[in-house]
Amino acid sequence: MQIPKQAVLLRIFIGEDDRYEHQPLHEAIVLKAREMHLAGATVLRGAVGFGASSRLHTSKILRLSEDLPLIIEIVDSEDTINGFLPVLNDMMSGASGLVTLEKMQVLQYGRAADSA
């Protein structure tokens, strides 16, 4: 039986073309999260989406290079996520994006759960 843990989901919505210090922003965020020992991060690539500009970004065959939407999801404790937010704020300063937070329960399976 797995015991639920309280956690926070940090979800970051950005574009594929966003950059931070000459590297893709999504890679920079994931590497910084790893460096700061957050539990994990996943980047999801969207097929279609739009943001504040209402400009449609799509992966249709004739528009493959169109700044596709990306979502970075990071789940960790509330304290750890709160410690990461100022760093993320600095990294997002040159990008147009959206960041959301939601409290959640985590059920962990596998080796890490067995040792808990």
PDB file of N, CA and C in Angstrom:
ATOM      1  N   MET A   1       0.840  -1.187   0.000  1.00  0.00           N
ATOM      2  CA  MET A   1       0.000   0.000   0.000  1.00  0.00           C
ATOM      3  C   MET A   1       0.877   1.240   0.000  1.00  0.00           C
ATOM      4  N   GLN A   2       0.533   2.197  -0.833  1.00  0.00           N
ATOM      5  CA  GLN A   2       1.271   3.438  -0.922  1.00  0.00           C
ATOM      6  C   GLN A   2       0.587   4.504  -0.071  1.00  0.00           C
ATOM      7  N   ILE A   3       1.380   5.281   0.636  1.00  0.00           N
ATOM      8  CA  ILE A   3       0.855   6.321   1.500  1.00  0.00           C
ATOM      9  C   ILE A   3       0.940   7.658   0.775  1.00  0.00           C
ATOM     10  N   PRO A   4      -0.176   8.388   0.653  1.00  0.00           N
ATOM     11  CA  PRO A   4      -0.133   9.674  -0.038  1.00  0.00           C
ATOM     12  C   PRO A   4       0.737  10.680   0.708  1.00  0.00           C
ATOM     13  N   LYS A   5       1.492  11.471  -0.033  1.00  0.00           N
ATOM     14  CA  LYS A   5       2.276  12.561   0.536  1.00  0.00           C
ATOM     15  C   LYS A   5       1.725  13.866  -0.013  1.00  0.00           C
ATOM     16  N   GLN A   6       1.743  14.904   0.809  1.00  0.00           N
ATOM     17  CA  GLN A   6       1.345  16.224   0.348  1.00  0.00           C
ATOM     18  C   GLN A   6       2.480  16.808  -0.480  1.00  0.00           C
ATOM     19  N   ALA A   7       2.150  17.393  -1.610  1.00  0.00           N
ATOM     20  CA  ALA A   7       3.155  17.970  -2.500  1.00  0.00           C
ATOM     21  C   ALA A   7       2.541  19.124  -3.267  1.00  0.00           C
ATOM     22  N   VAL A   8       3.373  19.758  -4.071  1.00  0.00           N
ATOM     23  CA  VAL A   8       2.921  20.848  -4.931  1.00  0.00           C
ATOM     24  C   VAL A   8       3.373  20.539  -6.357  1.00  0.00           C
ATOM     25  N   LEU A   9       2.477  20.772  -7.303  1.00  0.00           N
ATOM     26  CA  LEU A   9       2.796  20.651  -8.721  1.00  0.00           C
ATOM     27  C   LEU A   9       3.060  22.047  -9.252  1.00  0.00           C
ATOM     28  N   LEU A  10       4.272  22.254  -9.745  1.00  0.00           N
ATOM     29  CA  LEU A  10       4.658  23.491 -10.402  1.00  0.00           C
ATOM     30  C   LEU A  10       4.568  23.223 -11.896  1.00  0.00           C
ATOM     31  N   ARG A  11       3.741  23.988 -12.576  1.00  0.00           N
ATOM     32  CA  ARG A  11       3.560  23.798 -14.014  1.00  0.00           C
ATOM     33  C   ARG A  11       3.948  25.105 -14.709  1.00  0.00           C
ATOM     34  N   ILE A  12       4.862  25.006 -15.674  1.00  0.00           N
ATOM     35  CA  ILE A  12       5.406  26.174 -16.356  1.00  0.00           C
ATOM     36  C   ILE A  12       5.058  26.065 -17.839  1.00  0.00           C
ATOM     37  N   PHE A  13       4.336  27.047 -18.349  1.00  0.00           N
ATOM     38  CA  PHE A  13       3.934  27.095 -19.752  1.00  0.00           C
ATOM     39  C   PHE A  13       4.830  28.105 -20.472  1.00  0.00           C
ATOM     40  N   ILE A  14       5.598  27.634 -21.451  1.00  0.00           N
ATOM     41  CA  ILE A  14       6.484  28.507 -22.219  1.00  0.00           C
ATOM     42  C   ILE A  14       6.445  28.079 -23.681  1.00  0.00           C
ATOM     43  N   GLY A  15       7.205  28.780 -24.507  1.00  0.00           N
ATOM     44  CA  GLY A  15       7.327  28.420 -25.908  1.00  0.00           C
ATOM     45  C   GLY A  15       8.659  27.741 -26.181  1.00  0.00           C
ATOM     46  N   GLU A  16       8.673  26.942 -27.199  1.00  0.00           N
ATOM     47  CA  GLU A  16       9.864  26.192 -27.570  1.00  0.00           C
ATOM     48  C   GLU A  16      11.042  27.109 -27.925  1.00  0.00           C
ATOM     49  N   ASP A  17      10.756  28.300 -28.410  1.00  0.00           N
ATOM     50  CA  ASP A  17      11.822  29.229 -28.818  1.00  0.00           C
ATOM     51  C   ASP A  17      12.348  30.085 -27.671  1.00  0.00           C
ATOM     52  N   ASP A  18      11.762  30.023 -26.489  1.00  0.00           N
ATOM     53  CA  ASP A  18      12.224  30.831 -25.354  1.00  0.00           C
ATOM     54  C   ASP A  18      13.623  30.402 -24.949  1.00  0.00           C
ATOM     55  N   ARG A  19      14.438  31.389 -24.591  1.00  0.00           N
ATOM     56  CA  ARG A  19      15.837  31.139 -24.250  1.00  0.00           C
ATOM     57  C   ARG A  19      16.195  31.737 -22.903  1.00  0.00           C
ATOM     58  N   TYR A  20      17.224  31.157 -22.292  1.00  0.00           N
ATOM     59  CA  TYR A  20      17.823  31.689 -21.073  1.00  0.00           C
ATOM     60  C   TYR A  20      19.330  31.515 -21.208  1.00  0.00           C
ATOM     61  N   GLU A  21      20.049  32.608 -21.206  1.00  0.00           N
ATOM     62  CA  GLU A  21      21.507  32.585 -21.339  1.00  0.00           C
ATOM     63  C   GLU A  21      21.968  31.677 -22.483  1.00  0.00           C
ATOM     64  N   HIS A  22      21.445  31.904 -23.669  1.00  0.00           N
ATOM     65  CA  HIS A  22      21.854  31.232 -24.910  1.00  0.00           C
ATOM     66  C   HIS A  22      21.526  29.736 -24.961  1.00  0.00           C
ATOM     67  N   GLN A  23      20.626  29.265 -24.113  1.00  0.00           N
ATOM     68  CA  GLN A  23      20.197  27.871 -24.223  1.00  0.00           C
ATOM     69  C   GLN A  23      18.678  27.828 -24.147  1.00  0.00           C
ATOM     70  N   PRO A  24      18.071  26.764 -24.643  1.00  0.00           N
ATOM     71  CA  PRO A  24      16.619  26.670 -24.543  1.00  0.00           C
ATOM     72  C   PRO A  24      16.168  26.793 -23.080  1.00  0.00           C
ATOM     73  N   LEU A  25      15.158  27.619 -22.856  1.00  0.00           N
ATOM     74  CA  LEU A  25      14.681  27.870 -21.496  1.00  0.00           C
ATOM     75  C   LEU A  25      14.234  26.582 -20.812  1.00  0.00           C
ATOM     76  N   HIS A  26      13.560  25.706 -21.536  1.00  0.00           N
ATOM     77  CA  HIS A  26      13.070  24.477 -20.901  1.00  0.00           C
ATOM     78  C   HIS A  26      14.236  23.612 -20.403  1.00  0.00           C
ATOM     79  N   GLU A  27      15.314  23.554 -21.175  1.00  0.00           N
ATOM     80  CA  GLU A  27      16.487  22.787 -20.728  1.00  0.00           C
ATOM     81  C   GLU A  27      17.133  23.446 -19.521  1.00  0.00           C
ATOM     82  N   ALA A  28      17.244  24.782 -19.551  1.00  0.00           N
ATOM     83  CA  ALA A  28      17.845  25.507 -18.432  1.00  0.00           C
ATOM     84  C   ALA A  28      17.051  25.295 -17.143  1.00  0.00           C
ATOM     85  N   ILE A  29      15.739  25.294 -17.241  1.00  0.00           N
ATOM     86  CA  ILE A  29      14.893  25.090 -16.056  1.00  0.00           C
ATOM     87  C   ILE A  29      15.080  23.686 -15.500  1.00  0.00           C
ATOM     88  N   VAL A  30      15.058  22.680 -16.368  1.00  0.00           N
ATOM     89  CA  VAL A  30      15.223  21.292 -15.915  1.00  0.00           C
ATOM     90  C   VAL A  30      16.603  21.095 -15.293  1.00  0.00           C
ATOM     91  N   LEU A  31      17.634  21.639 -15.914  1.00  0.00           N
ATOM     92  CA  LEU A  31      18.983  21.493 -15.355  1.00  0.00           C
ATOM     93  C   LEU A  31      19.116  22.197 -14.009  1.00  0.00           C
ATOM     94  N   LYS A  32      18.503  23.364 -13.859  1.00  0.00           N
ATOM     95  CA  LYS A  32      18.552  24.090 -12.589  1.00  0.00           C
ATOM     96  C   LYS A  32      17.765  23.322 -11.517  1.00  0.00           C
ATOM     97  N   ALA A  33      16.631  22.762 -11.876  1.00  0.00           N
ATOM     98  CA  ALA A  33      15.853  21.966 -10.929  1.00  0.00           C
ATOM     99  C   ALA A  33      16.665  20.756 -10.458  1.00  0.00           C
ATOM    100  N   ARG A  34      17.376  20.135 -11.361  1.00  0.00           N
ATOM    101  CA  ARG A  34      18.238  18.991 -11.010  1.00  0.00           C
ATOM    102  C   ARG A  34      19.373  19.430 -10.104  1.00  0.00           C
ATOM    103  N   GLU A  35      20.006  20.556 -10.457  1.00  0.00           N
ATOM    104  CA  GLU A  35      21.102  21.091  -9.657  1.00  0.00           C
ATOM    105  C   GLU A  35      20.654  21.410  -8.228  1.00  0.00           C
ATOM    106  N   MET A  36      19.406  21.867  -8.089  1.00  0.00           N
ATOM    107  CA  MET A  36      18.865  22.219  -6.776  1.00  0.00           C
ATOM    108  C   MET A  36      18.207  21.030  -6.075  1.00  0.00           C
ATOM    109  N   HIS A  37      18.359  19.829  -6.646  1.00  0.00           N
ATOM    110  CA  HIS A  37      17.898  18.567  -6.054  1.00  0.00           C
ATOM    111  C   HIS A  37      16.388  18.488  -5.897  1.00  0.00           C
ATOM    112  N   LEU A  38      15.646  19.054  -6.848  1.00  0.00           N
ATOM    113  CA  LEU A  38      14.209  18.857  -6.841  1.00  0.00           C
ATOM    114  C   LEU A  38      13.930  17.412  -7.228  1.00  0.00           C
ATOM    115  N   ALA A  39      12.765  16.910  -6.882  1.00  0.00           N
ATOM    116  CA  ALA A  39      12.459  15.489  -7.045  1.00  0.00           C
ATOM    117  C   ALA A  39      12.484  15.034  -8.506  1.00  0.00           C
ATOM    118  N   GLY A  40      12.083  15.900  -9.421  1.00  0.00           N
ATOM    119  CA  GLY A  40      12.085  15.518 -10.829  1.00  0.00           C
ATOM    120  C   GLY A  40      11.378  16.563 -11.657  1.00  0.00           C
ATOM    121  N   ALA A  41      11.612  16.528 -12.951  1.00  0.00           N
ATOM    122  CA  ALA A  41      10.979  17.467 -13.875  1.00  0.00           C
ATOM    123  C   ALA A  41      10.722  16.759 -15.194  1.00  0.00           C
ATOM    124  N   THR A  42       9.630  17.116 -15.850  1.00  0.00           N
ATOM    125  CA  THR A  42       9.280  16.551 -17.141  1.00  0.00           C
ATOM    126  C   THR A  42       8.863  17.679 -18.067  1.00  0.00           C
ATOM    127  N   VAL A  43       9.326  17.624 -19.308  1.00  0.00           N
ATOM    128  CA  VAL A  43       8.932  18.597 -20.315  1.00  0.00           C
ATOM    129  C   VAL A  43       7.988  17.905 -21.289  1.00  0.00           C
ATOM    130  N   LEU A  44       6.829  18.515 -21.494  1.00  0.00           N
ATOM    131  CA  LEU A  44       5.820  18.001 -22.421  1.00  0.00           C
ATOM    132  C   LEU A  44       5.695  18.974 -23.585  1.00  0.00           C
ATOM    133  N   ARG A  45       5.691  18.451 -24.791  1.00  0.00           N
ATOM    134  CA  ARG A  45       5.590  19.286 -25.990  1.00  0.00           C
ATOM    135  C   ARG A  45       4.161  19.233 -26.508  1.00  0.00           C
ATOM    136  N   GLY A  46       3.569  20.410 -26.672  1.00  0.00           N
ATOM    137  CA  GLY A  46       2.190  20.485 -27.144  1.00  0.00           C
ATOM    138  C   GLY A  46       2.096  20.464 -28.658  1.00  0.00           C
ATOM    139  N   ALA A  47       1.003  19.924 -29.158  1.00  0.00           N
ATOM    140  CA  ALA A  47       0.769  19.870 -30.599  1.00  0.00           C
ATOM    141  C   ALA A  47       0.196  21.176 -31.116  1.00  0.00           C
ATOM    142  N   VAL A  48      -0.553  21.861 -30.274  1.00  0.00           N
ATOM    143  CA  VAL A  48      -1.164  23.124 -30.664  1.00  0.00           C
ATOM    144  C   VAL A  48      -1.497  23.912 -29.406  1.00  0.00           C
ATOM    145  N   GLY A  49      -1.432  25.226 -29.496  1.00  0.00           N
ATOM    146  CA  GLY A  49      -1.778  26.057 -28.351  1.00  0.00           C
ATOM    147  C   GLY A  49      -1.660  27.530 -28.685  1.00  0.00           C
ATOM    148  N   PHE A  50      -2.133  28.370 -27.759  1.00  0.00           N
ATOM    149  CA  PHE A  50      -1.952  29.800 -27.902  1.00  0.00           C
ATOM    150  C   PHE A  50      -1.838  30.411 -26.521  1.00  0.00           C
ATOM    151  N   GLY A  51      -1.257  31.605 -26.460  1.00  0.00           N
ATOM    152  CA  GLY A  51      -1.063  32.301 -25.192  1.00  0.00           C
ATOM    153  C   GLY A  51      -1.723  33.662 -25.219  1.00  0.00           C
ATOM    154  N   ALA A  52      -1.147  34.600 -24.473  1.00  0.00           N
ATOM    155  CA  ALA A  52      -1.718  35.928 -24.317  1.00  0.00           C
ATOM    156  C   ALA A  52      -1.872  36.661 -25.654  1.00  0.00           C
ATOM    157  N   SER A  53      -0.991  36.392 -26.607  1.00  0.00           N
ATOM    158  CA  SER A  53      -1.068  37.069 -27.910  1.00  0.00           C
ATOM    159  C   SER A  53      -2.181  36.510 -28.789  1.00  0.00           C
ATOM    160  N   SER A  54      -2.744  35.379 -28.415  1.00  0.00           N
ATOM    161  CA  SER A  54      -3.758  34.651 -29.192  1.00  0.00           C
ATOM    162  C   SER A  54      -3.224  34.116 -30.522  1.00  0.00           C
ATOM    163  N   ARG A  55      -1.921  34.163 -30.726  1.00  0.00           N
ATOM    164  CA  ARG A  55      -1.310  33.601 -31.930  1.00  0.00           C
ATOM    165  C   ARG A  55      -1.268  32.086 -31.789  1.00  0.00           C
ATOM    166  N   LEU A  56      -1.792  31.387 -32.764  1.00  0.00           N
ATOM    167  CA  LEU A  56      -1.853  29.934 -32.730  1.00  0.00           C
ATOM    168  C   LEU A  56      -0.495  29.338 -33.068  1.00  0.00           C
ATOM    169  N   HIS A  57      -0.018  28.422 -32.236  1.00  0.00           N
ATOM    170  CA  HIS A  57       1.227  27.684 -32.456  1.00  0.00           C
ATOM    171  C   HIS A  57       0.832  26.235 -32.697  1.00  0.00           C
ATOM    172  N   THR A  58       1.269  25.677 -33.817  1.00  0.00           N
ATOM    173  CA  THR A  58       0.830  24.343 -34.189  1.00  0.00           C
ATOM    174  C   THR A  58       1.979  23.523 -34.764  1.00  0.00           C
ATOM    175  N   SER A  59       1.812  22.224 -34.741  1.00  0.00           N
ATOM    176  CA  SER A  59       2.828  21.328 -35.292  1.00  0.00           C
ATOM    177  C   SER A  59       2.429  20.804 -36.667  1.00  0.00           C
ATOM    178  N   LYS A  60       1.468  21.451 -37.309  1.00  0.00           N
ATOM    179  CA  LYS A  60       1.066  21.005 -38.648  1.00  0.00           C
ATOM    180  C   LYS A  60       2.276  20.986 -39.575  1.00  0.00           C
ATOM    181  N   ILE A  61       2.244  20.117 -40.551  1.00  0.00           N
ATOM    182  CA  ILE A  61       3.398  19.825 -41.396  1.00  0.00           C
ATOM    183  C   ILE A  61       4.046  21.070 -42.011  1.00  0.00           C
ATOM    184  N   LEU A  62       3.290  22.053 -42.412  1.00  0.00           N
ATOM    185  CA  LEU A  62       3.863  23.242 -43.041  1.00  0.00           C
ATOM    186  C   LEU A  62       4.376  24.254 -42.028  1.00  0.00           C
ATOM    187  N   ARG A  63       4.166  23.992 -40.748  1.00  0.00           N
ATOM    188  CA  ARG A  63       4.541  24.960 -39.725  1.00  0.00           C
ATOM    189  C   ARG A  63       5.374  24.306 -38.623  1.00  0.00           C
ATOM    190  N   LEU A  64       6.230  23.371 -38.973  1.00  0.00           N
ATOM    191  CA  LEU A  64       6.984  22.625 -37.971  1.00  0.00           C
ATOM    192  C   LEU A  64       7.899  23.503 -37.108  1.00  0.00           C
ATOM    193  N   SER A  65       8.329  24.622 -37.629  1.00  0.00           N
ATOM    194  CA  SER A  65       9.251  25.463 -36.867  1.00  0.00           C
ATOM    195  C   SER A  65       8.528  26.541 -36.069  1.00  0.00           C
ATOM    196  N   GLU A  66       7.260  26.402 -35.827  1.00  0.00           N
ATOM    197  CA  GLU A  66       6.459  27.419 -35.160  1.00  0.00           C
ATOM    198  C   GLU A  66       6.473  27.288 -33.646  1.00  0.00           C
ATOM    199  N   ASP A  67       7.451  27.758 -32.954  1.00  0.00           N
ATOM    200  CA  ASP A  67       7.474  27.967 -31.508  1.00  0.00           C
ATOM    201  C   ASP A  67       6.386  27.194 -30.754  1.00  0.00           C
ATOM    202  N   LEU A  68       6.478  25.879 -30.758  1.00  0.00           N
ATOM    203  CA  LEU A  68       5.444  25.048 -30.145  1.00  0.00           C
ATOM    204  C   LEU A  68       5.371  25.262 -28.631  1.00  0.00           C
ATOM    205  N   PRO A  69       4.168  25.047 -28.060  1.00  0.00           N
ATOM    206  CA  PRO A  69       4.026  25.200 -26.617  1.00  0.00           C
ATOM    207  C   PRO A  69       4.706  24.057 -25.865  1.00  0.00           C
ATOM    208  N   LEU A  70       5.327  24.401 -24.750  1.00  0.00           N
ATOM    209  CA  LEU A  70       5.942  23.415 -23.866  1.00  0.00           C
ATOM    210  C   LEU A  70       5.371  23.593 -22.470  1.00  0.00           C
ATOM    211  N   ILE A  71       5.238  22.493 -21.755  1.00  0.00           N
ATOM    212  CA  ILE A  71       4.837  22.517 -20.356  1.00  0.00           C
ATOM    213  C   ILE A  71       5.903  21.765 -19.572  1.00  0.00           C
ATOM    214  N   ILE A  72       6.425  22.410 -18.557  1.00  0.00           N
ATOM    215  CA  ILE A  72       7.385  21.764 -17.662  1.00  0.00           C
ATOM    216  C   ILE A  72       6.649  21.493 -16.364  1.00  0.00           C
ATOM    217  N   GLU A  73       6.654  20.248 -15.922  1.00  0.00           N
ATOM    218  CA  GLU A  73       6.003  19.888 -14.665  1.00  0.00           C
ATOM    219  C   GLU A  73       7.047  19.429 -13.665  1.00  0.00           C
ATOM    220  N   ILE A  74       6.962  19.996 -12.468  1.00  0.00           N
ATOM    221  CA  ILE A  74       7.859  19.644 -11.377  1.00  0.00           C
ATOM    222  C   ILE A  74       7.000  19.400 -10.144  1.00  0.00           C
ATOM    223  N   VAL A  75       7.196  18.259  -9.490  1.00  0.00           N
ATOM    224  CA  VAL A  75       6.463  17.929  -8.263  1.00  0.00           C
ATOM    225  C   VAL A  75       7.472  17.764  -7.135  1.00  0.00           C
ATOM    226  N   ASP A  76       7.216  18.466  -6.037  1.00  0.00           N
ATOM    227  CA  ASP A  76       8.076  18.347  -4.863  1.00  0.00           C
ATOM    228  C   ASP A  76       7.308  18.914  -3.671  1.00  0.00           C
ATOM    229  N   SER A  77       7.965  18.978  -2.529  1.00  0.00           N
ATOM    230  CA  SER A  77       7.320  19.538  -1.341  1.00  0.00           C
ATOM    231  C   SER A  77       7.082  21.031  -1.542  1.00  0.00           C
ATOM    232  N   GLU A  78       6.144  21.569  -0.804  1.00  0.00           N
ATOM    233  CA  GLU A  78       5.825  22.990  -0.913  1.00  0.00           C
ATOM    234  C   GLU A  78       7.047  23.858  -0.601  1.00  0.00           C
ATOM    235  N   ASP A  79       7.798  23.493   0.434  1.00  0.00           N
ATOM    236  CA  ASP A  79       8.991  24.265   0.798  1.00  0.00           C
ATOM    237  C   ASP A  79      10.038  24.252  -0.316  1.00  0.00           C
ATOM    238  N   THR A  80      10.257  23.106  -0.919  1.00  0.00           N
ATOM    239  CA  THR A  80      11.251  22.991  -1.984  1.00  0.00           C
ATOM    240  C   THR A  80      10.819  23.796  -3.212  1.00  0.00           C
ATOM    241  N   ILE A  81       9.559  23.684  -3.586  1.00  0.00           N
ATOM    242  CA  ILE A  81       9.038  24.447  -4.730  1.00  0.00           C
ATOM    243  C   ILE A  81       9.140  25.946  -4.444  1.00  0.00           C
ATOM    244  N   ASN A  82       8.774  26.362  -3.229  1.00  0.00           N
ATOM    245  CA  ASN A  82       8.867  27.782  -2.871  1.00  0.00           C
ATOM    246  C   ASN A  82      10.301  28.291  -2.930  1.00  0.00           C
ATOM    247  N   GLY A  83      11.274  27.443  -2.610  1.00  0.00           N
ATOM    248  CA  GLY A  83      12.674  27.814  -2.710  1.00  0.00           C
ATOM    249  C   GLY A  83      13.149  27.940  -4.156  1.00  0.00           C
ATOM    250  N   PHE A  84      12.484  27.231  -5.063  1.00  0.00           N
ATOM    251  CA  PHE A  84      12.843  27.259  -6.480  1.00  0.00           C
ATOM    252  C   PHE A  84      12.219  28.450  -7.210  1.00  0.00           C
ATOM    253  N   LEU A  85      11.113  28.977  -6.701  1.00  0.00           N
ATOM    254  CA  LEU A  85      10.384  30.043  -7.396  1.00  0.00           C
ATOM    255  C   LEU A  85      11.209  31.304  -7.670  1.00  0.00           C
ATOM    256  N   PRO A  86      12.024  31.809  -6.722  1.00  0.00           N
ATOM    257  CA  PRO A  86      12.833  32.992  -7.054  1.00  0.00           C
ATOM    258  C   PRO A  86      13.829  32.737  -8.188  1.00  0.00           C
ATOM    259  N   VAL A  87      14.376  31.548  -8.247  1.00  0.00           N
ATOM    260  CA  VAL A  87      15.298  31.179  -9.324  1.00  0.00           C
ATOM    261  C   VAL A  87      14.533  31.140 -10.647  1.00  0.00           C
ATOM    262  N   LEU A  88      13.364  30.518 -10.621  1.00  0.00           N
ATOM    263  CA  LEU A  88      12.524  30.440 -11.813  1.00  0.00           C
ATOM    264  C   LEU A  88      12.124  31.842 -12.270  1.00  0.00           C
ATOM    265  N   ASN A  89      11.800  32.709 -11.331  1.00  0.00           N
ATOM    266  CA  ASN A  89      11.415  34.079 -11.658  1.00  0.00           C
ATOM    267  C   ASN A  89      12.529  34.767 -12.445  1.00  0.00           C
ATOM    268  N   ASP A  90      13.760  34.585 -12.022  1.00  0.00           N
ATOM    269  CA  ASP A  90      14.902  35.164 -12.728  1.00  0.00           C
ATOM    270  C   ASP A  90      15.027  34.575 -14.130  1.00  0.00           C
ATOM    271  N   MET A  91      14.850  33.281 -14.252  1.00  0.00           N
ATOM    272  CA  MET A  91      14.995  32.611 -15.544  1.00  0.00           C
ATOM    273  C   MET A  91      13.886  33.005 -16.514  1.00  0.00           C
ATOM    274  N   MET A  92      12.703  33.309 -15.999  1.00  0.00           N
ATOM    275  CA  MET A  92      11.548  33.650 -16.830  1.00  0.00           C
ATOM    276  C   MET A  92      11.520  35.124 -17.215  1.00  0.00           C
ATOM    277  N   SER A  93      12.444  35.924 -16.696  1.00  0.00           N
ATOM    278  CA  SER A  93      12.374  37.373 -16.896  1.00  0.00           C
ATOM    279  C   SER A  93      12.369  37.786 -18.365  1.00  0.00           C
ATOM    280  N   GLY A  94      13.002  37.039 -19.236  1.00  0.00           N
ATOM    281  CA  GLY A  94      13.028  37.387 -20.652  1.00  0.00           C
ATOM    282  C   GLY A  94      12.024  36.622 -21.491  1.00  0.00           C
ATOM    283  N   ALA A  95      11.191  35.825 -20.868  1.00  0.00           N
ATOM    284  CA  ALA A  95      10.255  34.976 -21.606  1.00  0.00           C
ATOM    285  C   ALA A  95       8.817  35.405 -21.337  1.00  0.00           C
ATOM    286  N   SER A  96       7.949  34.978 -22.213  1.00  0.00           N
ATOM    287  CA  SER A  96       6.521  35.170 -22.010  1.00  0.00           C
ATOM    288  C   SER A  96       5.966  33.803 -21.637  1.00  0.00           C
ATOM    289  N   GLY A  97       5.390  33.686 -20.460  1.00  0.00           N
ATOM    290  CA  GLY A  97       4.900  32.382 -20.039  1.00  0.00           C
ATOM    291  C   GLY A  97       3.915  32.494 -18.903  1.00  0.00           C
ATOM    292  N   LEU A  98       3.530  31.372 -18.398  1.00  0.00           N
ATOM    293  CA  LEU A  98       2.571  31.273 -17.302  1.00  0.00           C
ATOM    294  C   LEU A  98       3.062  30.196 -16.354  1.00  0.00           C
ATOM    295  N   VAL A  99       2.957  30.465 -15.065  1.00  0.00           N
ATOM    296  CA  VAL A  99       3.359  29.498 -14.054  1.00  0.00           C
ATOM    297  C   VAL A  99       2.164  29.257 -13.150  1.00  0.00           C
ATOM    298  N   THR A 100       1.848  27.986 -12.896  1.00  0.00           N
ATOM    299  CA  THR A 100       0.758  27.653 -11.980  1.00  0.00           C
ATOM    300  C   THR A 100       1.278  26.730 -10.884  1.00  0.00           C
ATOM    301  N   LEU A 101       0.615  26.779  -9.755  1.00  0.00           N
ATOM    302  CA  LEU A 101       0.927  25.913  -8.618  1.00  0.00           C
ATOM    303  C   LEU A 101      -0.364  25.263  -8.155  1.00  0.00           C
ATOM    304  N   GLU A 102      -0.293  23.990  -7.824  1.00  0.00           N
ATOM    305  CA  GLU A 102      -1.457  23.354  -7.216  1.00  0.00           C
ATOM    306  C   GLU A 102      -1.013  22.312  -6.205  1.00  0.00           C
ATOM    307  N   LYS A 103      -1.734  22.284  -5.103  1.00  0.00           N
ATOM    308  CA  LYS A 103      -1.448  21.294  -4.072  1.00  0.00           C
ATOM    309  C   LYS A 103      -2.014  19.963  -4.525  1.00  0.00           C
ATOM    310  N   MET A 104      -1.291  18.899  -4.173  1.00  0.00           N
ATOM    311  CA  MET A 104      -1.702  17.575  -4.607  1.00  0.00           C
ATOM    312  C   MET A 104      -1.223  16.509  -3.636  1.00  0.00           C
ATOM    313  N   GLN A 105      -1.750  15.322  -3.804  1.00  0.00           N
ATOM    314  CA  GLN A 105      -1.257  14.163  -3.071  1.00  0.00           C
ATOM    315  C   GLN A 105      -0.480  13.290  -4.042  1.00  0.00           C
ATOM    316  N   VAL A 106       0.624  12.737  -3.566  1.00  0.00           N
ATOM    317  CA  VAL A 106       1.483  11.907  -4.397  1.00  0.00           C
ATOM    318  C   VAL A 106       1.456  10.477  -3.888  1.00  0.00           C
ATOM    319  N   LEU A 107       1.252   9.555  -4.797  1.00  0.00           N
ATOM    320  CA  LEU A 107       1.411   8.130  -4.517  1.00  0.00           C
ATOM    321  C   LEU A 107       2.631   7.695  -5.307  1.00  0.00           C
ATOM    322  N   GLN A 108       3.671   7.286  -4.613  1.00  0.00           N
ATOM    323  CA  GLN A 108       4.915   6.932  -5.296  1.00  0.00           C
ATOM    324  C   GLN A 108       5.072   5.422  -5.332  1.00  0.00           C
ATOM    325  N   TYR A 109       5.474   4.915  -6.490  1.00  0.00           N
ATOM    326  CA  TYR A 109       5.682   3.480  -6.673  1.00  0.00           C
ATOM    327  C   TYR A 109       7.115   3.219  -7.096  1.00  0.00           C
ATOM    328  N   GLY A 110       7.574   2.004  -6.895  1.00  0.00           N
ATOM    329  CA  GLY A 110       8.919   1.645  -7.337  1.00  0.00           C
ATOM    330  C   GLY A 110       9.906   1.625  -6.192  1.00  0.00           C
ATOM    331  N   ARG A 111      11.184   1.632  -6.547  1.00  0.00           N
ATOM    332  CA  ARG A 111      12.258   1.506  -5.559  1.00  0.00           C
ATOM    333  C   ARG A 111      12.244   2.601  -4.516  1.00  0.00           C
ATOM    334  N   ALA A 112      12.091   3.863  -4.940  1.00  0.00           N
ATOM    335  CA  ALA A 112      12.113   4.977  -3.984  1.00  0.00           C
ATOM    336  C   ALA A 112      10.987   4.835  -2.978  1.00  0.00           C
ATOM    337  N   ALA A 113       9.830   4.337  -3.408  1.00  0.00           N
ATOM    338  CA  ALA A 113       8.703   4.153  -2.498  1.00  0.00           C
ATOM    339  C   ALA A 113       8.981   3.021  -1.513  1.00  0.00           C
ATOM    340  N   ASP A 114       9.680   1.987  -1.975  1.00  0.00           N
ATOM    341  CA  ASP A 114       9.973   0.847  -1.105  1.00  0.00           C
ATOM    342  C   ASP A 114      10.887   1.221   0.055  1.00  0.00           C
ATOM    343  N   SER A 115      11.787   2.174  -0.179  1.00  0.00           N
ATOM    344  CA  SER A 115      12.726   2.559   0.865  1.00  0.00           C
ATOM    345  C   SER A 115      12.172   3.633   1.783  1.00  0.00           C
ATOM    346  N   ALA A 116      11.002   4.174   1.464  1.00  0.00           N
ATOM    347  CA  ALA A 116      10.403   5.246   2.278  1.00  0.00           C
ATOM    348  C   ALA A 116       9.863   4.716   3.582  1.00  0.00           C
TER     349      ALA A 116
END
